[in-house]
Amino acid sequence: MPQTHWQRFRHLIGFPATHHHAGEQLVATLGGAIGILLVLTVTGVLVDRTAALIIVPSMGASAVLVFAAPHSAFAQPWAVLGGHVLSALVGVACWQLIPDPTVAAATAVGLAIGVMHITRCLHPPGGATALAAVIGGATVHELGYRYALSPIAVNAFIILAVGVVFNYAFAWRRYPASLMHYHDAPAHPGSLWPTISEAHVVAAMEHLNVVIDVSPEEIGEVIRQTLEIAEQEHDAARPAIALGRFYSNNRTGPQWSVRQIIDERASDDPEHDLVVYKVVDGKGRNRTGSCTRRKFARWAGRELQSHKRKG
């Protein structure tokens, strides 16, 4: 079907075709507001109001990443802390070593980007932190290299702490991404498509040699879900439902759920082939239920493996 003028325009400006669940939007909004409220309060104690107005905007940008895209590569703790602190040090050095403020500001941002690339902590708001070290005025300049510690590192820790505590209450968006309790299980024999691992995605990203603001896990997830849709369109089999395994419904936001098969009553008759499951994470956690294996397979989007330690 040919694209309309509106569809072409949306493609041109990069307007996304998908949108987040309303609950996800509300969570991100509240988390960002709480994080910046604390940052503003603390920064107001550490520096004067004028300097605070220059410093805090970079933390606002960090809040967008940590609360609106908590699994983004740019939002992970090393990116947030390392990006801000290293950029602050670069900015201070440029202010002290380069007499022309305009050249110092431009050099600070450019070098900050380079340093973040080299140290693998690319965090876009770090550029604003480096810039603020140059244009922040007398109060910031008097801090010297202490600027990187207070208020920058302090503020970054606040954003990270609020991000960890606030997001932990929502199982589908725990932060950092390493705190997610489940990951995709390996594909089972018989799948129409080859197994795509995180290592494959990392290799592809390195081959492309571009910066992508999503983690290898998320890219792999997009690929896997795309293949799953293709399988469905070709009447491929759903995940094999077996005792002891974990399954997710592939939903996002508050509807996300993970179930484990804890018992079964196998039968050749699909209407009497039953499974008993427990909701181990997400919506309905700790509830149990039973249904036919066929019905469970229609609910299950994909199989997962648990990260939780036993014992």
C-alpha atoms as a PDB file:
ATOM      1  CA  MET A   1       0.000   0.000   0.000  1.00  0.00           C
ATOM      2  CA  PRO A   2       1.493   3.388  -1.020  1.00  0.00           C
ATOM      3  CA  GLN A   3       2.342   5.783   1.792  1.00  0.00           C
ATOM      4  CA  THR A   4       0.249   8.905   2.332  1.00  0.00           C
ATOM      5  CA  HIS A   5       1.853  12.343   2.530  1.00  0.00           C
ATOM      6  CA  TRP A   6       1.298  12.258   6.308  1.00  0.00           C
ATOM      7  CA  GLN A   7       3.051   8.898   6.616  1.00  0.00           C
ATOM      8  CA  ARG A   8       5.998  10.162   4.589  1.00  0.00           C
ATOM      9  CA  PHE A   9       6.212  13.272   6.766  1.00  0.00           C
ATOM     10  CA  ARG A  10       6.129  11.190   9.951  1.00  0.00           C
ATOM     11  CA  HIS A  11       8.920   9.030   8.575  1.00  0.00           C
ATOM     12  CA  LEU A  12      10.937  12.107   7.603  1.00  0.00           C
ATOM     13  CA  ILE A  13      10.820  13.650  11.075  1.00  0.00           C
ATOM     14  CA  GLY A  14      11.252  10.336  12.881  1.00  0.00           C
ATOM     15  CA  PHE A  15       7.817  10.303  14.530  1.00  0.00           C
ATOM     16  CA  PRO A  16       7.533   6.909  16.284  1.00  0.00           C
ATOM     17  CA  ALA A  17       4.907   4.466  15.127  1.00  0.00           C
ATOM     18  CA  THR A  18       4.432   3.025  18.609  1.00  0.00           C
ATOM     19  CA  HIS A  19       3.538   4.613  21.923  1.00  0.00           C
ATOM     20  CA  HIS A  20       3.862   3.665  25.586  1.00  0.00           C
ATOM     21  CA  HIS A  21       1.063   2.525  27.861  1.00  0.00           C
ATOM     22  CA  ALA A  22      -0.575   5.354  29.843  1.00  0.00           C
ATOM     23  CA  GLY A  23       0.572   3.761  33.101  1.00  0.00           C
ATOM     24  CA  GLU A  24       4.163   3.758  31.867  1.00  0.00           C
ATOM     25  CA  GLN A  25       3.881   7.438  30.978  1.00  0.00           C
ATOM     26  CA  LEU A  26       2.538   8.276  34.439  1.00  0.00           C
ATOM     27  CA  VAL A  27       5.311   6.336  36.191  1.00  0.00           C
ATOM     28  CA  ALA A  28       8.001   8.104  34.154  1.00  0.00           C
ATOM     29  CA  THR A  29       6.426  11.494  34.872  1.00  0.00           C
ATOM     30  CA  LEU A  30       6.252  10.964  38.632  1.00  0.00           C
ATOM     31  CA  GLY A  31       9.751   9.496  38.859  1.00  0.00           C
ATOM     32  CA  GLY A  32      11.319  12.353  36.932  1.00  0.00           C
ATOM     33  CA  ALA A  33       9.536  14.955  39.054  1.00  0.00           C
ATOM     34  CA  ILE A  34      10.659  13.352  42.326  1.00  0.00           C
ATOM     35  CA  GLY A  35      14.249  13.008  41.146  1.00  0.00           C
ATOM     36  CA  ILE A  36      14.583  16.614  40.020  1.00  0.00           C
ATOM     37  CA  LEU A  37      12.844  17.934  43.132  1.00  0.00           C
ATOM     38  CA  LEU A  38      15.542  16.303  45.259  1.00  0.00           C
ATOM     39  CA  VAL A  39      18.323  17.484  42.943  1.00  0.00           C
ATOM     40  CA  LEU A  40      17.071  21.077  43.052  1.00  0.00           C
ATOM     41  CA  THR A  41      16.812  20.979  46.837  1.00  0.00           C
ATOM     42  CA  VAL A  42      20.344  19.676  47.309  1.00  0.00           C
ATOM     43  CA  THR A  43      21.909  21.878  44.625  1.00  0.00           C
ATOM     44  CA  GLY A  44      20.306  24.950  46.207  1.00  0.00           C
ATOM     45  CA  VAL A  45      22.232  24.157  49.384  1.00  0.00           C
ATOM     46  CA  LEU A  46      25.559  23.506  47.640  1.00  0.00           C
ATOM     47  CA  VAL A  47      25.686  26.531  45.294  1.00  0.00           C
ATOM     48  CA  ASP A  48      23.848  29.816  44.821  1.00  0.00           C
ATOM     49  CA  ARG A  49      20.599  30.053  42.855  1.00  0.00           C
ATOM     50  CA  THR A  50      22.171  31.493  39.706  1.00  0.00           C
ATOM     51  CA  ALA A  51      24.727  28.684  39.456  1.00  0.00           C
ATOM     52  CA  ALA A  52      22.055  26.102  40.229  1.00  0.00           C
ATOM     53  CA  LEU A  53      19.999  27.263  37.245  1.00  0.00           C
ATOM     54  CA  ILE A  54      23.007  26.555  35.015  1.00  0.00           C
ATOM     55  CA  ILE A  55      23.903  23.190  36.569  1.00  0.00           C
ATOM     56  CA  VAL A  56      20.551  21.475  37.092  1.00  0.00           C
ATOM     57  CA  PRO A  57      19.299  21.324  33.460  1.00  0.00           C
ATOM     58  CA  SER A  58      21.792  18.571  32.633  1.00  0.00           C
ATOM     59  CA  MET A  59      20.320  16.522  35.486  1.00  0.00           C
ATOM     60  CA  GLY A  60      16.855  17.094  34.043  1.00  0.00           C
ATOM     61  CA  ALA A  61      18.036  15.474  30.842  1.00  0.00           C
ATOM     62  CA  SER A  62      19.418  12.544  32.870  1.00  0.00           C
ATOM     63  CA  ALA A  63      16.052  12.176  34.605  1.00  0.00           C
ATOM     64  CA  VAL A  64      14.362  11.763  31.219  1.00  0.00           C
ATOM     65  CA  LEU A  65      16.652   8.840  30.421  1.00  0.00           C
ATOM     66  CA  VAL A  66      16.543   7.164  33.841  1.00  0.00           C
ATOM     67  CA  PHE A  67      12.767   7.390  34.251  1.00  0.00           C
ATOM     68  CA  ALA A  68      11.431   7.371  30.686  1.00  0.00           C
ATOM     69  CA  ALA A  69      13.934   4.875  29.227  1.00  0.00           C
ATOM     70  CA  PRO A  70      15.403   3.020  32.240  1.00  0.00           C
ATOM     71  CA  HIS A  71      16.812   0.175  30.146  1.00  0.00           C
ATOM     72  CA  SER A  72      18.462   2.482  27.618  1.00  0.00           C
ATOM     73  CA  ALA A  73      22.234   2.098  27.335  1.00  0.00           C
ATOM     74  CA  PHE A  74      22.568   5.854  27.943  1.00  0.00           C
ATOM     75  CA  ALA A  75      20.638   5.545  31.231  1.00  0.00           C
ATOM     76  CA  GLN A  76      22.698   2.867  32.995  1.00  0.00           C
ATOM     77  CA  PRO A  77      24.580   3.833  36.197  1.00  0.00           C
ATOM     78  CA  TRP A  78      28.072   3.899  34.674  1.00  0.00           C
ATOM     79  CA  ALA A  79      26.830   6.095  31.835  1.00  0.00           C
ATOM     80  CA  VAL A  80      25.096   8.521  34.226  1.00  0.00           C
ATOM     81  CA  LEU A  81      27.831   8.789  36.848  1.00  0.00           C
ATOM     82  CA  GLY A  82      30.851   8.448  34.590  1.00  0.00           C
ATOM     83  CA  GLY A  83      29.370  10.681  31.903  1.00  0.00           C
ATOM     84  CA  HIS A  84      28.657  13.542  34.292  1.00  0.00           C
ATOM     85  CA  VAL A  85      31.805  13.353  36.424  1.00  0.00           C
ATOM     86  CA  LEU A  86      34.272  12.931  33.563  1.00  0.00           C
ATOM     87  CA  SER A  87      32.549  15.663  31.553  1.00  0.00           C
ATOM     88  CA  ALA A  88      32.723  17.963  34.572  1.00  0.00           C
ATOM     89  CA  LEU A  89      36.473  17.393  34.883  1.00  0.00           C
ATOM     90  CA  VAL A  90      36.922  18.079  31.168  1.00  0.00           C
ATOM     91  CA  GLY A  91      34.882  21.267  31.433  1.00  0.00           C
ATOM     92  CA  VAL A  92      36.870  22.607  34.373  1.00  0.00           C
ATOM     93  CA  ALA A  93      40.167  21.830  32.633  1.00  0.00           C
ATOM     94  CA  CYS A  94      39.053  23.670  29.498  1.00  0.00           C
ATOM     95  CA  TRP A  95      37.971  26.730  31.512  1.00  0.00           C
ATOM     96  CA  GLN A  96      41.310  26.882  33.312  1.00  0.00           C
ATOM     97  CA  LEU A  97      43.528  26.215  30.283  1.00  0.00           C
ATOM     98  CA  ILE A  98      41.793  28.022  27.401  1.00  0.00           C
ATOM     99  CA  PRO A  99      41.583  31.842  27.726  1.00  0.00           C
ATOM    100  CA  ASP A 100      38.789  32.403  25.184  1.00  0.00           C
ATOM    101  CA  PRO A 101      35.428  31.397  26.793  1.00  0.00           C
ATOM    102  CA  THR A 102      33.808  30.587  23.447  1.00  0.00           C
ATOM    103  CA  VAL A 103      36.629  28.299  22.387  1.00  0.00           C
ATOM    104  CA  ALA A 104      36.759  26.802  25.894  1.00  0.00           C
ATOM    105  CA  ALA A 105      33.029  26.017  25.822  1.00  0.00           C
ATOM    106  CA  ALA A 106      33.143  24.391  22.392  1.00  0.00           C
ATOM    107  CA  THR A 107      36.274  22.418  23.259  1.00  0.00           C
ATOM    108  CA  ALA A 108      34.752  21.243  26.551  1.00  0.00           C
ATOM    109  CA  VAL A 109      31.713  19.745  24.862  1.00  0.00           C
ATOM    110  CA  GLY A 110      33.746  18.134  22.082  1.00  0.00           C
ATOM    111  CA  LEU A 111      36.333  16.634  24.423  1.00  0.00           C
ATOM    112  CA  ALA A 112      33.620  15.456  26.810  1.00  0.00           C
ATOM    113  CA  ILE A 113      32.026  13.494  23.973  1.00  0.00           C
ATOM    114  CA  GLY A 114      35.391  11.963  23.102  1.00  0.00           C
ATOM    115  CA  VAL A 115      36.174  11.032  26.703  1.00  0.00           C
ATOM    116  CA  MET A 116      32.745   9.469  27.204  1.00  0.00           C
ATOM    117  CA  HIS A 117      33.212   7.427  24.036  1.00  0.00           C
ATOM    118  CA  ILE A 118      36.636   6.168  25.140  1.00  0.00           C
ATOM    119  CA  THR A 119      35.470   5.289  28.668  1.00  0.00           C
ATOM    120  CA  ARG A 120      32.216   3.707  27.421  1.00  0.00           C
ATOM    121  CA  CYS A 121      30.004   5.981  29.486  1.00  0.00           C
ATOM    122  CA  LEU A 122      28.318   7.949  26.708  1.00  0.00           C
ATOM    123  CA  HIS A 123      25.590  10.019  28.363  1.00  0.00           C
ATOM    124  CA  PRO A 124      24.214  12.950  26.314  1.00  0.00           C
ATOM    125  CA  PRO A 125      23.519  15.197  29.344  1.00  0.00           C
ATOM    126  CA  GLY A 126      27.255  15.034  30.092  1.00  0.00           C
ATOM    127  CA  GLY A 127      27.802  17.560  27.326  1.00  0.00           C
ATOM    128  CA  ALA A 128      25.692  20.078  29.238  1.00  0.00           C
ATOM    129  CA  THR A 129      27.650  19.358  32.407  1.00  0.00           C
ATOM    130  CA  ALA A 130      30.934  20.136  30.620  1.00  0.00           C
ATOM    131  CA  LEU A 131      29.430  23.303  29.144  1.00  0.00           C
ATOM    132  CA  ALA A 132      28.153  24.475  32.542  1.00  0.00           C
ATOM    133  CA  ALA A 133      31.694  24.231  33.938  1.00  0.00           C
ATOM    134  CA  VAL A 134      32.716  26.922  31.442  1.00  0.00           C
ATOM    135  CA  ILE A 135      29.672  29.219  31.397  1.00  0.00           C
ATOM    136  CA  GLY A 136      28.433  28.642  34.959  1.00  0.00           C
ATOM    137  CA  GLY A 137      29.824  31.909  36.316  1.00  0.00           C
ATOM    138  CA  ALA A 138      32.025  32.820  39.241  1.00  0.00           C
ATOM    139  CA  THR A 139      30.438  30.436  41.739  1.00  0.00           C
ATOM    140  CA  VAL A 140      31.099  27.406  39.538  1.00  0.00           C
ATOM    141  CA  HIS A 141      34.570  28.620  38.543  1.00  0.00           C
ATOM    142  CA  GLU A 142      35.563  29.051  42.196  1.00  0.00           C
ATOM    143  CA  LEU A 143      34.776  25.392  42.843  1.00  0.00           C
ATOM    144  CA  GLY A 144      37.499  24.288  40.451  1.00  0.00           C
ATOM    145  CA  TYR A 145      37.760  20.531  40.122  1.00  0.00           C
ATOM    146  CA  ARG A 146      35.553  20.124  43.205  1.00  0.00           C
ATOM    147  CA  TYR A 147      32.691  20.919  40.811  1.00  0.00           C
ATOM    148  CA  ALA A 148      32.921  17.315  39.582  1.00  0.00           C
ATOM    149  CA  LEU A 149      32.350  16.001  43.103  1.00  0.00           C
ATOM    150  CA  SER A 150      29.892  18.535  44.466  1.00  0.00           C
ATOM    151  CA  PRO A 151      27.384  19.212  43.078  1.00  0.00           C
ATOM    152  CA  ILE A 152      27.799  17.019  39.973  1.00  0.00           C
ATOM    153  CA  ALA A 153      28.594  13.591  41.465  1.00  0.00           C
ATOM    154  CA  VAL A 154      26.184  14.253  44.346  1.00  0.00           C
ATOM    155  CA  ASN A 155      23.369  15.069  41.915  1.00  0.00           C
ATOM    156  CA  ALA A 156      24.149  12.052  39.751  1.00  0.00           C
ATOM    157  CA  PHE A 157      23.980   9.791  42.813  1.00  0.00           C
ATOM    158  CA  ILE A 158      20.601  11.309  43.720  1.00  0.00           C
ATOM    159  CA  ILE A 159      19.199  10.599  40.260  1.00  0.00           C
ATOM    160  CA  LEU A 160      20.570   7.044  40.386  1.00  0.00           C
ATOM    161  CA  ALA A 161      19.258   6.368  43.906  1.00  0.00           C
ATOM    162  CA  VAL A 162      15.777   7.629  43.090  1.00  0.00           C
ATOM    163  CA  GLY A 163      15.872   5.663  39.838  1.00  0.00           C
ATOM    164  CA  VAL A 164      16.726   2.407  41.634  1.00  0.00           C
ATOM    165  CA  VAL A 165      14.201   2.817  44.462  1.00  0.00           C
ATOM    166  CA  PHE A 166      11.341   4.259  42.416  1.00  0.00           C
ATOM    167  CA  ASN A 167      11.603   1.900  39.437  1.00  0.00           C
ATOM    168  CA  TYR A 168      12.008  -1.203  41.617  1.00  0.00           C
ATOM    169  CA  ALA A 169       8.340  -0.995  42.555  1.00  0.00           C
ATOM    170  CA  PHE A 170       7.439  -1.698  38.921  1.00  0.00           C
ATOM    171  CA  ALA A 171       8.611  -5.167  37.911  1.00  0.00           C
ATOM    172  CA  TRP A 172       8.704  -4.475  34.180  1.00  0.00           C
ATOM    173  CA  ARG A 173      11.045  -1.454  34.478  1.00  0.00           C
ATOM    174  CA  ARG A 174      13.450  -2.266  37.299  1.00  0.00           C
ATOM    175  CA  TYR A 175      16.574  -0.128  37.193  1.00  0.00           C
ATOM    176  CA  PRO A 176      19.345  -0.670  36.362  1.00  0.00           C
ATOM    177  CA  ALA A 177      18.621  -3.213  33.650  1.00  0.00           C
ATOM    178  CA  SER A 178      20.746  -5.790  35.507  1.00  0.00           C
ATOM    179  CA  LEU A 179      18.067  -5.955  38.231  1.00  0.00           C
ATOM    180  CA  MET A 180      15.525  -7.485  35.861  1.00  0.00           C
ATOM    181  CA  HIS A 181      14.957 -10.989  37.207  1.00  0.00           C
ATOM    182  CA  TYR A 182      14.344 -12.750  33.908  1.00  0.00           C
ATOM    183  CA  HIS A 183      15.871 -12.937  30.467  1.00  0.00           C
ATOM    184  CA  ASP A 184      14.995 -14.807  27.296  1.00  0.00           C
ATOM    185  CA  ALA A 185      15.551 -18.535  27.313  1.00  0.00           C
ATOM    186  CA  PRO A 186      17.491 -20.186  24.479  1.00  0.00           C
ATOM    187  CA  ALA A 187      15.389 -21.255  21.531  1.00  0.00           C
ATOM    188  CA  HIS A 188      14.349 -24.898  21.504  1.00  0.00           C
ATOM    189  CA  PRO A 189      15.006 -27.263  18.606  1.00  0.00           C
ATOM    190  CA  GLY A 190      12.400 -26.985  15.898  1.00  0.00           C
ATOM    191  CA  SER A 191      12.224 -23.207  15.718  1.00  0.00           C
ATOM    192  CA  LEU A 192      11.932 -21.834  12.196  1.00  0.00           C
ATOM    193  CA  TRP A 193      14.528 -19.180  12.942  1.00  0.00           C
ATOM    194  CA  PRO A 194      18.147 -19.303  14.171  1.00  0.00           C
ATOM    195  CA  THR A 195      18.903 -18.458  17.787  1.00  0.00           C
ATOM    196  CA  ILE A 196      19.913 -14.802  18.162  1.00  0.00           C
ATOM    197  CA  SER A 197      22.085 -14.167  21.199  1.00  0.00           C
ATOM    198  CA  GLU A 198      23.289 -10.958  22.819  1.00  0.00           C
ATOM    199  CA  ALA A 199      26.757 -11.740  21.467  1.00  0.00           C
ATOM    200  CA  HIS A 200      25.365 -11.696  17.910  1.00  0.00           C
ATOM    201  CA  VAL A 201      23.784  -8.293  18.500  1.00  0.00           C
ATOM    202  CA  VAL A 202      26.989  -6.867  20.022  1.00  0.00           C
ATOM    203  CA  ALA A 203      28.978  -8.141  17.029  1.00  0.00           C
ATOM    204  CA  ALA A 204      26.504  -6.538  14.634  1.00  0.00           C
ATOM    205  CA  MET A 205      26.655  -3.207  16.503  1.00  0.00           C
ATOM    206  CA  GLU A 206      30.452  -3.240  16.398  1.00  0.00           C
ATOM    207  CA  HIS A 207      30.346  -4.026  12.678  1.00  0.00           C
ATOM    208  CA  LEU A 208      28.007  -1.075  12.033  1.00  0.00           C
ATOM    209  CA  ASN A 209      30.268   1.183  14.148  1.00  0.00           C
ATOM    210  CA  VAL A 210      27.400   3.485  15.181  1.00  0.00           C
ATOM    211  CA  VAL A 211      26.037   4.660  18.536  1.00  0.00           C
ATOM    212  CA  ILE A 212      22.547   3.300  19.222  1.00  0.00           C
ATOM    213  CA  ASP A 213      20.660   4.440  22.335  1.00  0.00           C
ATOM    214  CA  VAL A 214      19.384   0.990  23.221  1.00  0.00           C
ATOM    215  CA  SER A 215      21.124  -1.912  24.867  1.00  0.00           C
ATOM    216  CA  PRO A 216      22.112  -5.071  22.970  1.00  0.00           C
ATOM    217  CA  GLU A 217      19.453  -6.908  24.997  1.00  0.00           C
ATOM    218  CA  GLU A 218      16.739  -4.535  23.799  1.00  0.00           C
ATOM    219  CA  ILE A 219      17.852  -4.773  20.171  1.00  0.00           C
ATOM    220  CA  GLY A 220      17.854  -8.544  20.497  1.00  0.00           C
ATOM    221  CA  GLU A 221      14.369  -8.335  21.969  1.00  0.00           C
ATOM    222  CA  VAL A 222      13.127  -6.275  19.000  1.00  0.00           C
ATOM    223  CA  ILE A 223      14.610  -8.846  16.621  1.00  0.00           C
ATOM    224  CA  ARG A 224      13.144 -11.769  18.535  1.00  0.00           C
ATOM    225  CA  GLN A 225       9.690 -10.219  18.684  1.00  0.00           C
ATOM    226  CA  THR A 226       9.856  -9.432  14.972  1.00  0.00           C
ATOM    227  CA  LEU A 227      10.695 -13.048  14.249  1.00  0.00           C
ATOM    228  CA  GLU A 228       7.898 -14.209  16.541  1.00  0.00           C
ATOM    229  CA  ILE A 229       5.391 -12.118  14.613  1.00  0.00           C
ATOM    230  CA  ALA A 230       6.715 -13.582  11.372  1.00  0.00           C
ATOM    231  CA  GLU A 231       6.372 -17.075  12.829  1.00  0.00           C
ATOM    232  CA  GLN A 232       2.774 -16.384  13.794  1.00  0.00           C
ATOM    233  CA  GLU A 233       2.004 -15.197  10.289  1.00  0.00           C
ATOM    234  CA  HIS A 234       3.422 -18.459   8.958  1.00  0.00           C
ATOM    235  CA  ASP A 235       1.472 -20.552  11.482  1.00  0.00           C
ATOM    236  CA  ALA A 236       4.591 -21.477  13.413  1.00  0.00           C
ATOM    237  CA  ALA A 237       4.212 -23.294  16.705  1.00  0.00           C
ATOM    238  CA  ARG A 238       3.984 -21.356  19.951  1.00  0.00           C
ATOM    239  CA  PRO A 239       6.604 -21.946  22.710  1.00  0.00           C
ATOM    240  CA  ALA A 240       6.599 -25.495  24.017  1.00  0.00           C
ATOM    241  CA  ILE A 241       4.846 -25.390  27.387  1.00  0.00           C
ATOM    242  CA  ALA A 242       6.739 -27.606  29.829  1.00  0.00           C
ATOM    243  CA  LEU A 243       6.859 -28.182  33.565  1.00  0.00           C
ATOM    244  CA  GLY A 244       9.172 -25.893  35.540  1.00  0.00           C
ATOM    245  CA  ARG A 245       9.712 -23.350  32.775  1.00  0.00           C
ATOM    246  CA  PHE A 246       8.998 -19.601  32.901  1.00  0.00           C
ATOM    247  CA  TYR A 247       6.967 -17.659  30.352  1.00  0.00           C
ATOM    248  CA  SER A 248       6.134 -14.006  29.737  1.00  0.00           C
ATOM    249  CA  ASN A 249       3.078 -12.552  28.024  1.00  0.00           C
ATOM    250  CA  ASN A 250       5.214 -10.053  26.045  1.00  0.00           C
ATOM    251  CA  ARG A 251       3.120  -7.151  27.304  1.00  0.00           C
ATOM    252  CA  THR A 252       4.613  -3.866  28.467  1.00  0.00           C
ATOM    253  CA  GLY A 253       3.896  -1.627  31.423  1.00  0.00           C
ATOM    254  CA  PRO A 254       1.579  -2.785  34.245  1.00  0.00           C
ATOM    255  CA  GLN A 255       0.213  -5.662  32.123  1.00  0.00           C
ATOM    256  CA  TRP A 256       3.612  -7.427  32.016  1.00  0.00           C
ATOM    257  CA  SER A 257       3.568 -10.773  33.782  1.00  0.00           C
ATOM    258  CA  VAL A 258       5.733 -13.876  34.228  1.00  0.00           C
ATOM    259  CA  ARG A 259       4.307 -17.320  34.994  1.00  0.00           C
ATOM    260  CA  GLN A 260       5.971 -20.601  35.920  1.00  0.00           C
ATOM    261  CA  ILE A 261       4.450 -24.003  35.185  1.00  0.00           C
ATOM    262  CA  ILE A 262       4.383 -25.744  38.586  1.00  0.00           C
ATOM    263  CA  ASP A 263       2.262 -28.801  37.746  1.00  0.00           C
ATOM    264  CA  GLU A 264       0.620 -30.476  34.800  1.00  0.00           C
ATOM    265  CA  ARG A 265      -1.860 -33.180  33.872  1.00  0.00           C
ATOM    266  CA  ALA A 266      -0.843 -34.278  30.410  1.00  0.00           C
ATOM    267  CA  SER A 267      -3.420 -35.688  28.048  1.00  0.00           C
ATOM    268  CA  ASP A 268      -3.699 -36.411  24.345  1.00  0.00           C
ATOM    269  CA  ASP A 269      -7.034 -34.612  24.424  1.00  0.00           C
ATOM    270  CA  PRO A 270      -6.316 -30.840  24.156  1.00  0.00           C
ATOM    271  CA  GLU A 271      -9.376 -30.081  26.278  1.00  0.00           C
ATOM    272  CA  HIS A 272      -8.009 -32.169  29.150  1.00  0.00           C
ATOM    273  CA  ASP A 273      -4.303 -31.362  28.734  1.00  0.00           C
ATOM    274  CA  LEU A 274      -3.987 -29.086  31.771  1.00  0.00           C
ATOM    275  CA  VAL A 275      -1.224 -27.040  33.375  1.00  0.00           C
ATOM    276  CA  VAL A 276      -1.026 -25.328  36.754  1.00  0.00           C
ATOM    277  CA  TYR A 277       0.938 -22.084  36.905  1.00  0.00           C
ATOM    278  CA  LYS A 278       2.121 -19.523  39.442  1.00  0.00           C
ATOM    279  CA  VAL A 279       2.546 -15.841  38.646  1.00  0.00           C
ATOM    280  CA  VAL A 280       6.116 -15.192  39.814  1.00  0.00           C
ATOM    281  CA  ASP A 281       6.492 -11.562  38.725  1.00  0.00           C
ATOM    282  CA  GLY A 282       4.508  -8.655  37.367  1.00  0.00           C
ATOM    283  CA  LYS A 283       0.718  -8.362  37.302  1.00  0.00           C
ATOM    284  CA  GLY A 284      -0.995 -10.825  39.644  1.00  0.00           C
ATOM    285  CA  ARG A 285       2.233 -11.836  41.393  1.00  0.00           C
ATOM    286  CA  ASN A 286       1.961 -14.872  43.725  1.00  0.00           C
ATOM    287  CA  ARG A 287      -1.402 -15.902  42.284  1.00  0.00           C
ATOM    288  CA  THR A 288      -1.895 -19.419  40.957  1.00  0.00           C
ATOM    289  CA  GLY A 289      -4.219 -20.743  38.302  1.00  0.00           C
ATOM    290  CA  SER A 290      -4.820 -23.510  35.842  1.00  0.00           C
ATOM    291  CA  CYS A 291      -5.911 -23.795  32.235  1.00  0.00           C
ATOM    292  CA  THR A 292      -5.440 -25.972  29.203  1.00  0.00           C
ATOM    293  CA  ARG A 293      -1.963 -26.133  27.728  1.00  0.00           C
ATOM    294  CA  ARG A 294      -3.353 -24.703  24.491  1.00  0.00           C
ATOM    295  CA  LYS A 295      -4.819 -21.674  26.279  1.00  0.00           C
ATOM    296  CA  PHE A 296      -1.566 -21.092  28.167  1.00  0.00           C
ATOM    297  CA  ALA A 297       0.377 -21.271  24.894  1.00  0.00           C
ATOM    298  CA  ARG A 298      -1.845 -18.549  23.442  1.00  0.00           C
ATOM    299  CA  TRP A 299      -1.075 -16.370  26.503  1.00  0.00           C
ATOM    300  CA  ALA A 300       2.684 -17.072  26.488  1.00  0.00           C
ATOM    301  CA  GLY A 301       4.663 -14.731  24.290  1.00  0.00           C
ATOM    302  CA  ARG A 302       8.064 -16.256  24.941  1.00  0.00           C
ATOM    303  CA  GLU A 303       9.998 -18.442  27.341  1.00  0.00           C
ATOM    304  CA  LEU A 304      12.285 -16.871  29.943  1.00  0.00           C
ATOM    305  CA  GLN A 305      15.043 -17.996  32.267  1.00  0.00           C
ATOM    306  CA  SER A 306      15.274 -16.789  35.847  1.00  0.00           C
ATOM    307  CA  HIS A 307      18.171 -14.642  37.083  1.00  0.00           C
ATOM    308  CA  LYS A 308      17.169 -15.208  40.717  1.00  0.00           C
ATOM    309  CA  ARG A 309      19.593 -17.061  42.925  1.00  0.00           C
ATOM    310  CA  LYS A 310      18.435 -20.285  44.396  1.00  0.00           C
ATOM    311  CA  GLY A 311      18.438 -20.851  48.090  1.00  0.00           C
END
